[in-house]
Amino acid sequence: MNFGIYLIGYIIVIAGVVYAMNLAHIHSQWIAAVAVIMLGAGILTAVTRTRTKDPN
């Protein structure tokens, strides 16, 4: 559950960055590249933050 909430928040951040880049008239290729990189970073961060610890 926490993973989903974390990922939804990160997607909202990505949407804001993409919108700002669009307003700055940056080419769509760069916008897509930044969005994919941020999504990958968001997934990696969400997994590491919400992962349960392995028992000893």
PDB file of N, CA and C in Angstrom:
ATOM      1  N   MET A   1       0.825  -1.198   0.000  1.00  0.00           N
ATOM      2  CA  MET A   1       0.000   0.000   0.000  1.00  0.00           C
ATOM      3  C   MET A   1       0.869   1.263   0.000  1.00  0.00           C
ATOM      4  N   ASN A   2       1.897   1.262   0.840  1.00  0.00           N
ATOM      5  CA  ASN A   2       2.785   2.420   0.888  1.00  0.00           C
ATOM      6  C   ASN A   2       3.493   2.634  -0.439  1.00  0.00           C
ATOM      7  N   PHE A   3       3.807   1.526  -1.125  1.00  0.00           N
ATOM      8  CA  PHE A   3       4.477   1.626  -2.419  1.00  0.00           C
ATOM      9  C   PHE A   3       3.610   2.389  -3.408  1.00  0.00           C
ATOM     10  N   GLY A   4       2.322   2.073  -3.448  1.00  0.00           N
ATOM     11  CA  GLY A   4       1.404   2.748  -4.360  1.00  0.00           C
ATOM     12  C   GLY A   4       1.272   4.229  -4.063  1.00  0.00           C
ATOM     13  N   ILE A   5       1.164   4.571  -2.807  1.00  0.00           N
ATOM     14  CA  ILE A   5       1.042   5.975  -2.414  1.00  0.00           C
ATOM     15  C   ILE A   5       2.323   6.729  -2.768  1.00  0.00           C
ATOM     16  N   TYR A   6       3.448   6.128  -2.505  1.00  0.00           N
ATOM     17  CA  TYR A   6       4.734   6.758  -2.821  1.00  0.00           C
ATOM     18  C   TYR A   6       4.852   6.973  -4.325  1.00  0.00           C
ATOM     19  N   LEU A   7       4.477   5.956  -5.106  1.00  0.00           N
ATOM     20  CA  LEU A   7       4.588   6.048  -6.556  1.00  0.00           C
ATOM     21  C   LEU A   7       3.612   7.070  -7.135  1.00  0.00           C
ATOM     22  N   ILE A   8       2.420   7.156  -6.590  1.00  0.00           N
ATOM     23  CA  ILE A   8       1.452   8.161  -7.050  1.00  0.00           C
ATOM     24  C   ILE A   8       1.988   9.563  -6.797  1.00  0.00           C
ATOM     25  N   GLY A   9       2.573   9.787  -5.650  1.00  0.00           N
ATOM     26  CA  GLY A   9       3.166  11.088  -5.357  1.00  0.00           C
ATOM     27  C   GLY A   9       4.292  11.421  -6.316  1.00  0.00           C
ATOM     28  N   TYR A  10       5.108  10.432  -6.634  1.00  0.00           N
ATOM     29  CA  TYR A  10       6.217  10.670  -7.545  1.00  0.00           C
ATOM     30  C   TYR A  10       5.710  10.957  -8.955  1.00  0.00           C
ATOM     31  N   ILE A  11       4.623  10.296  -9.360  1.00  0.00           N
ATOM     32  CA  ILE A  11       4.038  10.552 -10.683  1.00  0.00           C
ATOM     33  C   ILE A  11       3.482  11.969 -10.757  1.00  0.00           C
ATOM     34  N   ILE A  12       2.939  12.468  -9.663  1.00  0.00           N
ATOM     35  CA  ILE A  12       2.463  13.852  -9.633  1.00  0.00           C
ATOM     36  C   ILE A  12       3.636  14.816  -9.799  1.00  0.00           C
ATOM     37  N   VAL A  13       4.755  14.512  -9.171  1.00  0.00           N
ATOM     38  CA  VAL A  13       5.955  15.346  -9.331  1.00  0.00           C
ATOM     39  C   VAL A  13       6.431  15.310 -10.785  1.00  0.00           C
ATOM     40  N   ILE A  14       6.437  14.130 -11.384  1.00  0.00           N
ATOM     41  CA  ILE A  14       6.846  13.998 -12.782  1.00  0.00           C
ATOM     42  C   ILE A  14       5.927  14.812 -13.679  1.00  0.00           C
ATOM     43  N   ALA A  15       4.631  14.754 -13.422  1.00  0.00           N
ATOM     44  CA  ALA A  15       3.675  15.525 -14.233  1.00  0.00           C
ATOM     45  C   ALA A  15       3.961  17.022 -14.121  1.00  0.00           C
ATOM     46  N   GLY A  16       4.293  17.491 -12.942  1.00  0.00           N
ATOM     47  CA  GLY A  16       4.617  18.900 -12.763  1.00  0.00           C
ATOM     48  C   GLY A  16       5.867  19.304 -13.517  1.00  0.00           C
ATOM     49  N   VAL A  17       6.886  18.449 -13.475  1.00  0.00           N
ATOM     50  CA  VAL A  17       8.126  18.745 -14.188  1.00  0.00           C
ATOM     51  C   VAL A  17       7.889  18.740 -15.696  1.00  0.00           C
ATOM     52  N   VAL A  18       7.130  17.770 -16.180  1.00  0.00           N
ATOM     53  CA  VAL A  18       6.817  17.692 -17.614  1.00  0.00           C
ATOM     54  C   VAL A  18       6.031  18.925 -18.045  1.00  0.00           C
ATOM     55  N   TYR A  19       5.086  19.361 -17.246  1.00  0.00           N
ATOM     56  CA  TYR A  19       4.306  20.556 -17.569  1.00  0.00           C
ATOM     57  C   TYR A  19       5.197  21.799 -17.619  1.00  0.00           C
ATOM     58  N   ALA A  20       6.098  21.923 -16.653  1.00  0.00           N
ATOM     59  CA  ALA A  20       7.007  23.070 -16.632  1.00  0.00           C
ATOM     60  C   ALA A  20       7.940  23.054 -17.844  1.00  0.00           C
ATOM     61  N   MET A  21       8.412  21.876 -18.205  1.00  0.00           N
ATOM     62  CA  MET A  21       9.278  21.775 -19.378  1.00  0.00           C
ATOM     63  C   MET A  21       8.513  22.115 -20.648  1.00  0.00           C
ATOM     64  N   ASN A  22       7.251  21.740 -20.700  1.00  0.00           N
ATOM     65  CA  ASN A  22       6.412  22.066 -21.849  1.00  0.00           C
ATOM     66  C   ASN A  22       6.203  23.580 -21.941  1.00  0.00           C
ATOM     67  N   LEU A  23       5.981  24.225 -20.812  1.00  0.00           N
ATOM     68  CA  LEU A  23       5.821  25.681 -20.804  1.00  0.00           C
ATOM     69  C   LEU A  23       7.105  26.394 -21.218  1.00  0.00           C
ATOM     70  N   ALA A  24       8.246  25.759 -20.968  1.00  0.00           N
ATOM     71  CA  ALA A  24       9.532  26.342 -21.333  1.00  0.00           C
ATOM     72  C   ALA A  24       9.891  26.053 -22.796  1.00  0.00           C
ATOM     73  N   HIS A  25       8.981  25.403 -23.516  1.00  0.00           N
ATOM     74  CA  HIS A  25       9.154  25.083 -24.938  1.00  0.00           C
ATOM     75  C   HIS A  25      10.374  24.204 -25.198  1.00  0.00           C
ATOM     76  N   ILE A  26      10.552  23.208 -24.347  1.00  0.00           N
ATOM     77  CA  ILE A  26      11.621  22.231 -24.536  1.00  0.00           C
ATOM     78  C   ILE A  26      11.077  21.139 -25.452  1.00  0.00           C
ATOM     79  N   HIS A  27      11.930  20.630 -26.330  1.00  0.00           N
ATOM     80  CA  HIS A  27      11.509  19.612 -27.294  1.00  0.00           C
ATOM     81  C   HIS A  27      10.925  18.392 -26.588  1.00  0.00           C
ATOM     82  N   SER A  28       9.938  17.797 -27.220  1.00  0.00           N
ATOM     83  CA  SER A  28       9.234  16.663 -26.616  1.00  0.00           C
ATOM     84  C   SER A  28      10.148  15.458 -26.418  1.00  0.00           C
ATOM     85  N   GLN A  29      11.198  15.314 -27.210  1.00  0.00           N
ATOM     86  CA  GLN A  29      12.140  14.209 -27.020  1.00  0.00           C
ATOM     87  C   GLN A  29      12.825  14.317 -25.660  1.00  0.00           C
ATOM     88  N   TRP A  30      13.220  15.522 -25.288  1.00  0.00           N
ATOM     89  CA  TRP A  30      13.872  15.719 -23.998  1.00  0.00           C
ATOM     90  C   TRP A  30      12.885  15.551 -22.852  1.00  0.00           C
ATOM     91  N   ILE A  31      11.648  15.995 -23.070  1.00  0.00           N
ATOM     92  CA  ILE A  31      10.623  15.835 -22.036  1.00  0.00           C
ATOM     93  C   ILE A  31      10.375  14.358 -21.772  1.00  0.00           C
ATOM     94  N   ALA A  32      10.262  13.566 -22.835  1.00  0.00           N
ATOM     95  CA  ALA A  32      10.042  12.127 -22.680  1.00  0.00           C
ATOM     96  C   ALA A  32      11.232  11.461 -21.990  1.00  0.00           C
ATOM     97  N   ALA A  33      12.439  11.860 -22.361  1.00  0.00           N
ATOM     98  CA  ALA A  33      13.631  11.270 -21.749  1.00  0.00           C
ATOM     99  C   ALA A  33      13.688  11.567 -20.254  1.00  0.00           C
ATOM    100  N   VAL A  34      13.414  12.795 -19.885  1.00  0.00           N
ATOM    101  CA  VAL A  34      13.431  13.172 -18.468  1.00  0.00           C
ATOM    102  C   VAL A  34      12.329  12.430 -17.705  1.00  0.00           C
ATOM    103  N   ALA A  35      11.159  12.302 -18.304  1.00  0.00           N
ATOM    104  CA  ALA A  35      10.052  11.603 -17.646  1.00  0.00           C
ATOM    105  C   ALA A  35      10.388  10.134 -17.403  1.00  0.00           C
ATOM    106  N   VAL A  36      11.007   9.477 -18.377  1.00  0.00           N
ATOM    107  CA  VAL A  36      11.377   8.066 -18.218  1.00  0.00           C
ATOM    108  C   VAL A  36      12.451   7.909 -17.141  1.00  0.00           C
ATOM    109  N   ILE A  37      13.431   8.791 -17.140  1.00  0.00           N
ATOM    110  CA  ILE A  37      14.489   8.724 -16.129  1.00  0.00           C
ATOM    111  C   ILE A  37      13.910   8.952 -14.736  1.00  0.00           C
ATOM    112  N   MET A  38      13.030   9.949 -14.612  1.00  0.00           N
ATOM    113  CA  MET A  38      12.424  10.222 -13.298  1.00  0.00           C
ATOM    114  C   MET A  38      11.529   9.076 -12.848  1.00  0.00           C
ATOM    115  N   LEU A  39      10.807   8.453 -13.778  1.00  0.00           N
ATOM    116  CA  LEU A  39       9.953   7.321 -13.417  1.00  0.00           C
ATOM    117  C   LEU A  39      10.800   6.155 -12.916  1.00  0.00           C
ATOM    118  N   GLY A  40      11.902   5.879 -13.594  1.00  0.00           N
ATOM    119  CA  GLY A  40      12.805   4.822 -13.138  1.00  0.00           C
ATOM    120  C   GLY A  40      13.376   5.107 -11.766  1.00  0.00           C
ATOM    121  N   ALA A  41      13.788   6.345 -11.553  1.00  0.00           N
ATOM    122  CA  ALA A  41      14.313   6.727 -10.240  1.00  0.00           C
ATOM    123  C   ALA A  41      13.231   6.631  -9.169  1.00  0.00           C
ATOM    124  N   GLY A  42      12.006   6.993  -9.528  1.00  0.00           N
ATOM    125  CA  GLY A  42      10.898   6.900  -8.578  1.00  0.00           C
ATOM    126  C   GLY A  42      10.598   5.470  -8.185  1.00  0.00           C
ATOM    127  N   ILE A  43      10.631   4.569  -9.145  1.00  0.00           N
ATOM    128  CA  ILE A  43      10.376   3.155  -8.846  1.00  0.00           C
ATOM    129  C   ILE A  43      11.484   2.601  -7.958  1.00  0.00           C
ATOM    130  N   LEU A  44      12.723   2.898  -8.294  1.00  0.00           N
ATOM    131  CA  LEU A  44      13.835   2.425  -7.462  1.00  0.00           C
ATOM    132  C   LEU A  44      13.746   2.967  -6.042  1.00  0.00           C
ATOM    133  N   THR A  45      13.429   4.233  -5.918  1.00  0.00           N
ATOM    134  CA  THR A  45      13.321   4.839  -4.590  1.00  0.00           C
ATOM    135  C   THR A  45      12.143   4.256  -3.814  1.00  0.00           C
ATOM    136  N   ALA A  46      11.017   4.071  -4.483  1.00  0.00           N
ATOM    137  CA  ALA A  46       9.839   3.518  -3.809  1.00  0.00           C
ATOM    138  C   ALA A  46      10.093   2.101  -3.325  1.00  0.00           C
ATOM    139  N   VAL A  47      10.780   1.311  -4.128  1.00  0.00           N
ATOM    140  CA  VAL A  47      11.072  -0.068  -3.730  1.00  0.00           C
ATOM    141  C   VAL A  47      11.999  -0.095  -2.520  1.00  0.00           C
ATOM    142  N   THR A  48      13.026   0.734  -2.538  1.00  0.00           N
ATOM    143  CA  THR A  48      13.963   0.715  -1.413  1.00  0.00           C
ATOM    144  C   THR A  48      13.348   1.284  -0.137  1.00  0.00           C
ATOM    145  N   ARG A  49      12.444   2.236  -0.265  1.00  0.00           N
ATOM    146  CA  ARG A  49      11.830   2.842   0.931  1.00  0.00           C
ATOM    147  C   ARG A  49      10.750   1.960   1.539  1.00  0.00           C
ATOM    148  N   THR A  50      10.047   1.192   0.728  1.00  0.00           N
ATOM    149  CA  THR A  50       8.910   0.427   1.234  1.00  0.00           C
ATOM    150  C   THR A  50       9.193  -1.063   1.359  1.00  0.00           C
ATOM    151  N   ARG A  51      10.404  -1.472   1.023  1.00  0.00           N
ATOM    152  CA  ARG A  51      10.764  -2.884   1.118  1.00  0.00           C
ATOM    153  C   ARG A  51      10.813  -3.327   2.571  1.00  0.00           C
ATOM    154  N   THR A  52      10.289  -4.516   2.840  1.00  0.00           N
ATOM    155  CA  THR A  52      10.377  -5.052   4.203  1.00  0.00           C
ATOM    156  C   THR A  52      11.746  -5.665   4.401  1.00  0.00           C
ATOM    157  N   LYS A  53      12.230  -5.573   5.600  1.00  0.00           N
ATOM    158  CA  LYS A  53      13.549  -6.105   5.920  1.00  0.00           C
ATOM    159  C   LYS A  53      13.491  -7.629   6.003  1.00  0.00           C
ATOM    160  N   ASP A  54      14.553  -8.273   5.537  1.00  0.00           N
ATOM    161  CA  ASP A  54      14.632  -9.733   5.604  1.00  0.00           C
ATOM    162  C   ASP A  54      14.921 -10.161   7.040  1.00  0.00           C
ATOM    163  N   PRO A  55      14.241 -11.237   7.500  1.00  0.00           N
ATOM    164  CA  PRO A  55      14.523 -11.710   8.862  1.00  0.00           C
ATOM    165  C   PRO A  55      15.892 -12.340   8.920  1.00  0.00           C
ATOM    166  N   ASN A  56      16.508 -12.264  10.086  1.00  0.00           N
ATOM    167  CA  ASN A  56      17.863 -12.851  10.265  1.00  0.00           C
ATOM    168  C   ASN A  56      17.780 -14.345  10.400  1.00  0.00           C
TER     169      ASN A  56
END
